[in-house]
């Protein structure tokens, strides 16, 4: 049962990390600043859009209009997590693969339909499963990730104290209690620290988000959890994301209830 819960949690992580088919513009938070230096403003085209917070929101918003590849890495509890994927914003599609220890999970998202395959998770069907998002509850983490599918953009809507940190770089804090995948029990354990998690991000010369690092290690330093780093590349390159072939079964009701 514990292993199954881990698998389900990983599914949520993949979905949130890779479904970059749209996002909402983040508004400036109280206390957010635009303390870009003159040199940073001149060298980073995004700065010309206004404050650092505005530039960051605009960079995240570009995902809905392009394709891209992404990687995410994070360590914790003795297990390194690596996710690779590709995104098709205009087509509202994404595909990803996650590797952690002996577990390998694949997720394909086509609009509001999700297909998942989990190798090495006891109690879960072998091969591809179909998840009909319409059957999930209104508070479902997976449903929320579909409704606001860009993991970076969702987090960045909670950004505060955003300021320039050199050429094309910004820093600030995130309120991770607003993340669709955040477990309420975990929120209570971590207290107020989870409402102001430091992050840094890089914006390229075309105003696109290329990297983001979230200092998760600062939340529970004794737990061995590392920082989460997301990198985006190959903007505009062709991607092929299609419905999986072969036998596909409906995800069991017990699994849907946990999503």
C-alpha atoms as a PDB file:
ATOM      1  CA  UNK A   1       0.000   0.000   0.000  1.00  0.00           C
ATOM      2  CA  UNK A   2       2.829   2.387   0.836  1.00  0.00           C
ATOM      3  CA  UNK A   3       4.453   1.667  -2.519  1.00  0.00           C
ATOM      4  CA  UNK A   4       1.173   2.254  -4.306  1.00  0.00           C
ATOM      5  CA  UNK A   5       0.754   5.622  -2.601  1.00  0.00           C
ATOM      6  CA  UNK A   6       4.258   6.554  -3.700  1.00  0.00           C
ATOM      7  CA  UNK A   7       3.380   5.668  -7.278  1.00  0.00           C
ATOM      8  CA  UNK A   8       0.264   7.803  -7.194  1.00  0.00           C
ATOM      9  CA  UNK A   9       2.199  10.728  -5.755  1.00  0.00           C
ATOM     10  CA  UNK A  10       4.733  10.373  -8.534  1.00  0.00           C
ATOM     11  CA  UNK A  11       1.955  10.511 -11.127  1.00  0.00           C
ATOM     12  CA  UNK A  12       0.849  13.831  -9.711  1.00  0.00           C
ATOM     13  CA  UNK A  13       4.405  15.133  -9.787  1.00  0.00           C
ATOM     14  CA  UNK A  14       4.826  14.172 -13.433  1.00  0.00           C
ATOM     15  CA  UNK A  15       1.530  15.704 -14.457  1.00  0.00           C
ATOM     16  CA  UNK A  16       2.285  18.995 -12.744  1.00  0.00           C
ATOM     17  CA  UNK A  17       5.835  19.103 -14.002  1.00  0.00           C
ATOM     18  CA  UNK A  18       5.118  18.491 -17.666  1.00  0.00           C
ATOM     19  CA  UNK A  19       1.645  19.682 -18.621  1.00  0.00           C
ATOM     20  CA  UNK A  20       2.744  23.068 -19.923  1.00  0.00           C
ATOM     21  CA  UNK A  21      -0.146  23.701 -22.320  1.00  0.00           C
ATOM     22  CA  UNK A  22      -1.387  26.941 -20.817  1.00  0.00           C
ATOM     23  CA  UNK A  23      -1.121  29.252 -17.858  1.00  0.00           C
ATOM     24  CA  UNK A  24      -2.429  32.428 -16.288  1.00  0.00           C
ATOM     25  CA  UNK A  25      -0.508  35.651 -15.851  1.00  0.00           C
ATOM     26  CA  UNK A  26       0.856  36.195 -12.376  1.00  0.00           C
ATOM     27  CA  UNK A  27       0.040  39.492 -10.738  1.00  0.00           C
ATOM     28  CA  UNK A  28       2.543  41.373  -8.612  1.00  0.00           C
ATOM     29  CA  UNK A  29       2.259  40.373  -4.965  1.00  0.00           C
ATOM     30  CA  UNK A  30       2.489  42.834  -2.089  1.00  0.00           C
ATOM     31  CA  UNK A  31       6.153  43.392  -1.426  1.00  0.00           C
ATOM     32  CA  UNK A  32       7.231  42.380  -4.944  1.00  0.00           C
ATOM     33  CA  UNK A  33       9.925  44.668  -6.272  1.00  0.00           C
ATOM     34  CA  UNK A  34      11.450  45.666  -9.581  1.00  0.00           C
ATOM     35  CA  UNK A  35      14.959  46.325  -8.333  1.00  0.00           C
ATOM     36  CA  UNK A  36      16.713  45.593 -11.609  1.00  0.00           C
ATOM     37  CA  UNK A  37      19.992  47.344 -12.105  1.00  0.00           C
ATOM     38  CA  UNK A  38      20.492  49.524 -15.160  1.00  0.00           C
ATOM     39  CA  UNK A  39      22.822  46.984 -16.722  1.00  0.00           C
ATOM     40  CA  UNK A  40      20.430  44.087 -16.086  1.00  0.00           C
ATOM     41  CA  UNK A  41      17.540  46.022 -17.596  1.00  0.00           C
ATOM     42  CA  UNK A  42      19.575  46.770 -20.696  1.00  0.00           C
ATOM     43  CA  UNK A  43      20.863  43.235 -21.191  1.00  0.00           C
ATOM     44  CA  UNK A  44      17.687  41.280 -20.387  1.00  0.00           C
ATOM     45  CA  UNK A  45      14.926  42.005 -22.931  1.00  0.00           C
ATOM     46  CA  UNK A  46      12.311  40.718 -20.483  1.00  0.00           C
ATOM     47  CA  UNK A  47      13.082  43.614 -18.175  1.00  0.00           C
ATOM     48  CA  UNK A  48      11.746  46.025 -20.768  1.00  0.00           C
ATOM     49  CA  UNK A  49       8.292  44.537 -20.158  1.00  0.00           C
ATOM     50  CA  UNK A  50       8.218  46.127 -16.728  1.00  0.00           C
ATOM     51  CA  UNK A  51       8.979  44.718 -13.316  1.00  0.00           C
ATOM     52  CA  UNK A  52      10.821  41.481 -12.707  1.00  0.00           C
ATOM     53  CA  UNK A  53       7.505  39.923 -11.663  1.00  0.00           C
ATOM     54  CA  UNK A  54       5.892  40.927 -14.968  1.00  0.00           C
ATOM     55  CA  UNK A  55       8.842  39.568 -16.955  1.00  0.00           C
ATOM     56  CA  UNK A  56       8.671  36.261 -15.099  1.00  0.00           C
ATOM     57  CA  UNK A  57       4.937  35.890 -15.687  1.00  0.00           C
ATOM     58  CA  UNK A  58       5.355  36.721 -19.373  1.00  0.00           C
ATOM     59  CA  UNK A  59       8.120  34.124 -19.698  1.00  0.00           C
ATOM     60  CA  UNK A  60       5.954  31.398 -18.178  1.00  0.00           C
ATOM     61  CA  UNK A  61       3.018  32.382 -20.396  1.00  0.00           C
ATOM     62  CA  UNK A  62       5.037  31.622 -23.534  1.00  0.00           C
ATOM     63  CA  UNK A  63       4.643  27.878 -22.965  1.00  0.00           C
ATOM     64  CA  UNK A  64       1.073  27.930 -24.248  1.00  0.00           C
ATOM     65  CA  UNK A  65       2.296  29.118 -27.652  1.00  0.00           C
ATOM     66  CA  UNK A  66       5.270  26.852 -28.296  1.00  0.00           C
ATOM     67  CA  UNK A  67       6.747  23.391 -28.043  1.00  0.00           C
ATOM     68  CA  UNK A  68       9.650  22.580 -25.753  1.00  0.00           C
ATOM     69  CA  UNK A  69      11.577  19.845 -24.033  1.00  0.00           C
ATOM     70  CA  UNK A  70      12.019  19.728 -20.279  1.00  0.00           C
ATOM     71  CA  UNK A  71      13.973  17.972 -17.587  1.00  0.00           C
ATOM     72  CA  UNK A  72      13.361  17.974 -13.871  1.00  0.00           C
ATOM     73  CA  UNK A  73      15.655  16.627 -11.199  1.00  0.00           C
ATOM     74  CA  UNK A  74      15.272  16.330  -7.456  1.00  0.00           C
ATOM     75  CA  UNK A  75      16.768  14.165  -4.746  1.00  0.00           C
ATOM     76  CA  UNK A  76      15.345  13.093  -1.440  1.00  0.00           C
ATOM     77  CA  UNK A  77      15.237  10.217   0.980  1.00  0.00           C
ATOM     78  CA  UNK A  78      18.119   8.507  -0.779  1.00  0.00           C
ATOM     79  CA  UNK A  79      16.300   8.429  -4.122  1.00  0.00           C
ATOM     80  CA  UNK A  80      17.113  10.702  -7.043  1.00  0.00           C
ATOM     81  CA  UNK A  81      14.139  11.610  -9.207  1.00  0.00           C
ATOM     82  CA  UNK A  82      14.620  12.479 -12.867  1.00  0.00           C
ATOM     83  CA  UNK A  83      11.854  13.446 -15.254  1.00  0.00           C
ATOM     84  CA  UNK A  84      12.244  14.079 -18.968  1.00  0.00           C
ATOM     85  CA  UNK A  85       9.465  15.225 -21.226  1.00  0.00           C
ATOM     86  CA  UNK A  86       8.264  17.174 -24.206  1.00  0.00           C
ATOM     87  CA  UNK A  87       5.500  19.747 -24.393  1.00  0.00           C
ATOM     88  CA  UNK A  88       3.161  20.956 -27.120  1.00  0.00           C
ATOM     89  CA  UNK A  89       1.420  24.079 -25.870  1.00  0.00           C
ATOM     90  CA  UNK A  90      -0.721  24.854 -28.939  1.00  0.00           C
ATOM     91  CA  UNK A  91      -1.758  21.195 -29.198  1.00  0.00           C
ATOM     92  CA  UNK A  92      -2.447  20.898 -25.460  1.00  0.00           C
ATOM     93  CA  UNK A  93      -0.303  17.773 -25.272  1.00  0.00           C
ATOM     94  CA  UNK A  94       2.623  16.503 -23.238  1.00  0.00           C
ATOM     95  CA  UNK A  95       4.566  13.310 -22.625  1.00  0.00           C
ATOM     96  CA  UNK A  96       7.002  12.427 -19.877  1.00  0.00           C
ATOM     97  CA  UNK A  97       9.051   9.666 -18.311  1.00  0.00           C
ATOM     98  CA  UNK A  98      10.048   9.541 -14.655  1.00  0.00           C
ATOM     99  CA  UNK A  99      12.782   7.346 -13.223  1.00  0.00           C
ATOM    100  CA  UNK A 100      13.329   6.827  -9.499  1.00  0.00           C
ATOM    101  CA  UNK A 101      15.081   3.757  -8.090  1.00  0.00           C
ATOM    102  CA  UNK A 102      13.463   0.739  -9.809  1.00  0.00           C
ATOM    103  CA  UNK A 103      10.306   2.645 -10.687  1.00  0.00           C
ATOM    104  CA  UNK A 104       9.635   3.928 -14.179  1.00  0.00           C
ATOM    105  CA  UNK A 105       6.491   5.857 -14.983  1.00  0.00           C
ATOM    106  CA  UNK A 106       5.264   7.223 -18.289  1.00  0.00           C
ATOM    107  CA  UNK A 107       2.472   9.740 -18.754  1.00  0.00           C
ATOM    108  CA  UNK A 108       0.865  11.012 -21.948  1.00  0.00           C
ATOM    109  CA  UNK A 109      -1.606  13.894 -21.787  1.00  0.00           C
ATOM    110  CA  UNK A 110      -3.871  14.759 -24.706  1.00  0.00           C
ATOM    111  CA  UNK A 111      -6.076  17.690 -23.670  1.00  0.00           C
ATOM    112  CA  UNK A 112      -8.175  16.362 -20.763  1.00  0.00           C
ATOM    113  CA  UNK A 113      -7.343  12.696 -21.342  1.00  0.00           C
ATOM    114  CA  UNK A 114      -4.388  11.130 -19.525  1.00  0.00           C
ATOM    115  CA  UNK A 115      -2.643   7.818 -20.175  1.00  0.00           C
ATOM    116  CA  UNK A 116      -0.291   6.336 -17.625  1.00  0.00           C
ATOM    117  CA  UNK A 117       2.000   3.330 -17.412  1.00  0.00           C
ATOM    118  CA  UNK A 118       3.799   2.416 -14.203  1.00  0.00           C
ATOM    119  CA  UNK A 119       6.435  -0.308 -14.187  1.00  0.00           C
ATOM    120  CA  UNK A 120       7.398  -1.737 -10.824  1.00  0.00           C
ATOM    121  CA  UNK A 121       4.413  -0.539  -8.775  1.00  0.00           C
ATOM    122  CA  UNK A 122       2.646  -3.447  -7.025  1.00  0.00           C
ATOM    123  CA  UNK A 123      -1.127  -3.496  -7.267  1.00  0.00           C
ATOM    124  CA  UNK A 124      -1.320  -1.401 -10.420  1.00  0.00           C
ATOM    125  CA  UNK A 125      -2.321  -2.767 -13.838  1.00  0.00           C
ATOM    126  CA  UNK A 126       0.467  -3.592 -16.242  1.00  0.00           C
ATOM    127  CA  UNK A 127       0.614  -1.634 -19.453  1.00  0.00           C
ATOM    128  CA  UNK A 128      -1.215   1.580 -20.221  1.00  0.00           C
ATOM    129  CA  UNK A 129      -4.123   2.904 -18.188  1.00  0.00           C
ATOM    130  CA  UNK A 130      -6.588   5.573 -19.279  1.00  0.00           C
ATOM    131  CA  UNK A 131      -7.648   8.259 -16.829  1.00  0.00           C
ATOM    132  CA  UNK A 132     -10.816  10.169 -17.683  1.00  0.00           C
ATOM    133  CA  UNK A 133     -10.387  13.481 -15.905  1.00  0.00           C
ATOM    134  CA  UNK A 134     -14.173  14.012 -15.964  1.00  0.00           C
ATOM    135  CA  UNK A 135     -14.500  11.192 -13.426  1.00  0.00           C
ATOM    136  CA  UNK A 136     -12.210  12.865 -10.912  1.00  0.00           C
ATOM    137  CA  UNK A 137     -13.503  14.984  -8.040  1.00  0.00           C
ATOM    138  CA  UNK A 138     -13.420  18.805  -8.183  1.00  0.00           C
ATOM    139  CA  UNK A 139     -10.523  18.894  -5.694  1.00  0.00           C
ATOM    140  CA  UNK A 140      -8.491  16.284  -7.569  1.00  0.00           C
ATOM    141  CA  UNK A 141      -4.805  17.192  -7.858  1.00  0.00           C
ATOM    142  CA  UNK A 142      -4.694  15.704 -11.339  1.00  0.00           C
ATOM    143  CA  UNK A 143      -7.818  17.601 -12.424  1.00  0.00           C
ATOM    144  CA  UNK A 144      -6.303  20.850 -11.165  1.00  0.00           C
ATOM    145  CA  UNK A 145      -3.090  20.144 -13.040  1.00  0.00           C
ATOM    146  CA  UNK A 146      -5.098  19.737 -16.245  1.00  0.00           C
ATOM    147  CA  UNK A 147      -7.088  22.909 -15.615  1.00  0.00           C
ATOM    148  CA  UNK A 148      -3.844  24.834 -14.982  1.00  0.00           C
ATOM    149  CA  UNK A 149      -1.327  22.555 -16.622  1.00  0.00           C
ATOM    150  CA  UNK A 150       1.932  24.490 -16.517  1.00  0.00           C
ATOM    151  CA  UNK A 151       3.756  23.496 -13.355  1.00  0.00           C
ATOM    152  CA  UNK A 152       6.101  26.439 -13.526  1.00  0.00           C
ATOM    153  CA  UNK A 153       3.350  28.952 -14.255  1.00  0.00           C
ATOM    154  CA  UNK A 154       1.162  27.644 -11.441  1.00  0.00           C
ATOM    155  CA  UNK A 155       3.957  28.052  -8.948  1.00  0.00           C
ATOM    156  CA  UNK A 156       4.922  31.433 -10.318  1.00  0.00           C
ATOM    157  CA  UNK A 157       1.444  32.858  -9.737  1.00  0.00           C
ATOM    158  CA  UNK A 158       2.326  32.671  -6.031  1.00  0.00           C
ATOM    159  CA  UNK A 159       5.670  34.437  -6.419  1.00  0.00           C
ATOM    160  CA  UNK A 160       6.436  37.349  -4.114  1.00  0.00           C
ATOM    161  CA  UNK A 161       9.470  39.546  -3.445  1.00  0.00           C
ATOM    162  CA  UNK A 162      10.427  39.049  -7.096  1.00  0.00           C
ATOM    163  CA  UNK A 163      13.472  41.034  -8.180  1.00  0.00           C
ATOM    164  CA  UNK A 164      16.202  40.986 -10.756  1.00  0.00           C
ATOM    165  CA  UNK A 165      19.334  39.086  -9.748  1.00  0.00           C
ATOM    166  CA  UNK A 166      21.705  39.854 -12.564  1.00  0.00           C
ATOM    167  CA  UNK A 167      21.383  39.637 -16.329  1.00  0.00           C
ATOM    168  CA  UNK A 168      18.272  37.660 -17.249  1.00  0.00           C
ATOM    169  CA  UNK A 169      17.932  36.190 -13.764  1.00  0.00           C
ATOM    170  CA  UNK A 170      15.275  36.689 -11.119  1.00  0.00           C
ATOM    171  CA  UNK A 171      14.759  35.528  -7.566  1.00  0.00           C
ATOM    172  CA  UNK A 172      11.933  35.535  -5.059  1.00  0.00           C
ATOM    173  CA  UNK A 173       9.818  33.266  -2.883  1.00  0.00           C
ATOM    174  CA  UNK A 174       6.905  30.919  -3.666  1.00  0.00           C
ATOM    175  CA  UNK A 175       3.831  29.961  -1.669  1.00  0.00           C
ATOM    176  CA  UNK A 176       3.734  26.212  -2.309  1.00  0.00           C
ATOM    177  CA  UNK A 177       0.480  25.771  -0.385  1.00  0.00           C
ATOM    178  CA  UNK A 178      -1.148  26.846  -3.656  1.00  0.00           C
ATOM    179  CA  UNK A 179       0.352  23.940  -5.603  1.00  0.00           C
ATOM    180  CA  UNK A 180      -2.323  21.441  -6.757  1.00  0.00           C
ATOM    181  CA  UNK A 181      -0.125  18.519  -5.692  1.00  0.00           C
ATOM    182  CA  UNK A 182       0.570  19.759  -2.177  1.00  0.00           C
ATOM    183  CA  UNK A 183      -0.586  17.344   0.514  1.00  0.00           C
ATOM    184  CA  UNK A 184      -2.558  19.231   3.225  1.00  0.00           C
ATOM    185  CA  UNK A 185      -0.955  17.074   5.918  1.00  0.00           C
ATOM    186  CA  UNK A 186       2.486  18.080   4.667  1.00  0.00           C
ATOM    187  CA  UNK A 187       1.484  21.735   4.738  1.00  0.00           C
ATOM    188  CA  UNK A 188       0.640  21.433   8.431  1.00  0.00           C
ATOM    189  CA  UNK A 189       3.947  19.744   9.174  1.00  0.00           C
ATOM    190  CA  UNK A 190       6.095  22.364   7.480  1.00  0.00           C
ATOM    191  CA  UNK A 191       4.222  25.384   8.824  1.00  0.00           C
ATOM    192  CA  UNK A 192       4.809  28.856   7.438  1.00  0.00           C
ATOM    193  CA  UNK A 193       8.093  27.914   5.756  1.00  0.00           C
ATOM    194  CA  UNK A 194       6.208  26.397   2.848  1.00  0.00           C
ATOM    195  CA  UNK A 195       4.555  29.752   2.156  1.00  0.00           C
ATOM    196  CA  UNK A 196       7.866  31.433   1.344  1.00  0.00           C
ATOM    197  CA  UNK A 197      10.176  28.972  -0.421  1.00  0.00           C
ATOM    198  CA  UNK A 198      13.123  30.665  -2.194  1.00  0.00           C
ATOM    199  CA  UNK A 199      13.458  30.220  -5.947  1.00  0.00           C
ATOM    200  CA  UNK A 200      15.617  31.460  -8.800  1.00  0.00           C
ATOM    201  CA  UNK A 201      14.843  31.506 -12.509  1.00  0.00           C
ATOM    202  CA  UNK A 202      16.574  32.366 -15.776  1.00  0.00           C
ATOM    203  CA  UNK A 203      15.011  34.140 -18.752  1.00  0.00           C
ATOM    204  CA  UNK A 204      16.690  34.002 -22.158  1.00  0.00           C
ATOM    205  CA  UNK A 205      17.135  36.774 -24.712  1.00  0.00           C
ATOM    206  CA  UNK A 206      13.708  36.050 -26.191  1.00  0.00           C
ATOM    207  CA  UNK A 207      11.970  36.351 -22.858  1.00  0.00           C
ATOM    208  CA  UNK A 208      11.478  32.594 -22.320  1.00  0.00           C
ATOM    209  CA  UNK A 209      11.809  30.725 -19.049  1.00  0.00           C
ATOM    210  CA  UNK A 210      14.797  28.394 -19.384  1.00  0.00           C
ATOM    211  CA  UNK A 211      15.546  27.240 -15.836  1.00  0.00           C
ATOM    212  CA  UNK A 212      13.977  27.390 -12.423  1.00  0.00           C
ATOM    213  CA  UNK A 213      15.336  26.100  -9.119  1.00  0.00           C
ATOM    214  CA  UNK A 214      13.105  25.794  -6.068  1.00  0.00           C
ATOM    215  CA  UNK A 215      14.930  25.481  -2.740  1.00  0.00           C
ATOM    216  CA  UNK A 216      12.931  22.580  -1.362  1.00  0.00           C
ATOM    217  CA  UNK A 217      15.969  21.481   0.624  1.00  0.00           C
ATOM    218  CA  UNK A 218      15.472  24.460   2.914  1.00  0.00           C
ATOM    219  CA  UNK A 219      12.055  23.179   4.027  1.00  0.00           C
ATOM    220  CA  UNK A 220      13.320  20.075   5.796  1.00  0.00           C
ATOM    221  CA  UNK A 221      17.140  20.029   5.761  1.00  0.00           C
ATOM    222  CA  UNK A 222      17.332  16.978   8.026  1.00  0.00           C
ATOM    223  CA  UNK A 223      15.103  14.918   5.720  1.00  0.00           C
ATOM    224  CA  UNK A 224      17.663  14.789   2.942  1.00  0.00           C
ATOM    225  CA  UNK A 225      15.369  16.470   0.418  1.00  0.00           C
ATOM    226  CA  UNK A 226      17.216  18.308  -2.320  1.00  0.00           C
ATOM    227  CA  UNK A 227      16.325  21.321  -4.421  1.00  0.00           C
ATOM    228  CA  UNK A 228      14.111  20.887  -7.469  1.00  0.00           C
ATOM    229  CA  UNK A 229      15.537  22.083 -10.776  1.00  0.00           C
ATOM    230  CA  UNK A 230      13.545  22.384 -13.999  1.00  0.00           C
ATOM    231  CA  UNK A 231      15.149  23.186 -17.355  1.00  0.00           C
ATOM    232  CA  UNK A 232      13.441  23.930 -20.680  1.00  0.00           C
ATOM    233  CA  UNK A 233      15.058  23.757 -24.122  1.00  0.00           C
ATOM    234  CA  UNK A 234      14.439  23.214 -27.851  1.00  0.00           C
ATOM    235  CA  UNK A 235      11.674  25.803 -28.032  1.00  0.00           C
ATOM    236  CA  UNK A 236       9.685  25.501 -31.255  1.00  0.00           C
ATOM    237  CA  UNK A 237      11.247  22.187 -32.315  1.00  0.00           C
ATOM    238  CA  UNK A 238       8.852  19.526 -33.688  1.00  0.00           C
ATOM    239  CA  UNK A 239       7.488  17.057 -31.129  1.00  0.00           C
ATOM    240  CA  UNK A 240       5.441  13.899 -31.614  1.00  0.00           C
ATOM    241  CA  UNK A 241       2.955  13.117 -28.848  1.00  0.00           C
ATOM    242  CA  UNK A 242       0.275  10.541 -29.623  1.00  0.00           C
ATOM    243  CA  UNK A 243      -2.123   8.200 -27.875  1.00  0.00           C
ATOM    244  CA  UNK A 244      -0.296   5.031 -26.751  1.00  0.00           C
ATOM    245  CA  UNK A 245      -0.728   1.975 -28.942  1.00  0.00           C
ATOM    246  CA  UNK A 246      -1.714  -1.507 -27.819  1.00  0.00           C
ATOM    247  CA  UNK A 247      -4.092  -2.513 -25.068  1.00  0.00           C
ATOM    248  CA  UNK A 248      -5.292   0.280 -22.789  1.00  0.00           C
ATOM    249  CA  UNK A 249      -7.380  -0.402 -19.693  1.00  0.00           C
ATOM    250  CA  UNK A 250      -9.385   2.036 -17.608  1.00  0.00           C
ATOM    251  CA  UNK A 251      -7.641   3.074 -14.419  1.00  0.00           C
ATOM    252  CA  UNK A 252      -9.227   1.318 -11.421  1.00  0.00           C
ATOM    253  CA  UNK A 253     -11.659   3.305  -9.273  1.00  0.00           C
ATOM    254  CA  UNK A 254      -9.381   2.929  -6.256  1.00  0.00           C
ATOM    255  CA  UNK A 255      -6.611   4.695  -8.139  1.00  0.00           C
ATOM    256  CA  UNK A 256      -8.904   7.463  -9.382  1.00  0.00           C
ATOM    257  CA  UNK A 257      -9.974   8.147  -5.808  1.00  0.00           C
ATOM    258  CA  UNK A 258      -6.379   8.892  -4.822  1.00  0.00           C
ATOM    259  CA  UNK A 259      -5.716  11.279  -7.694  1.00  0.00           C
END
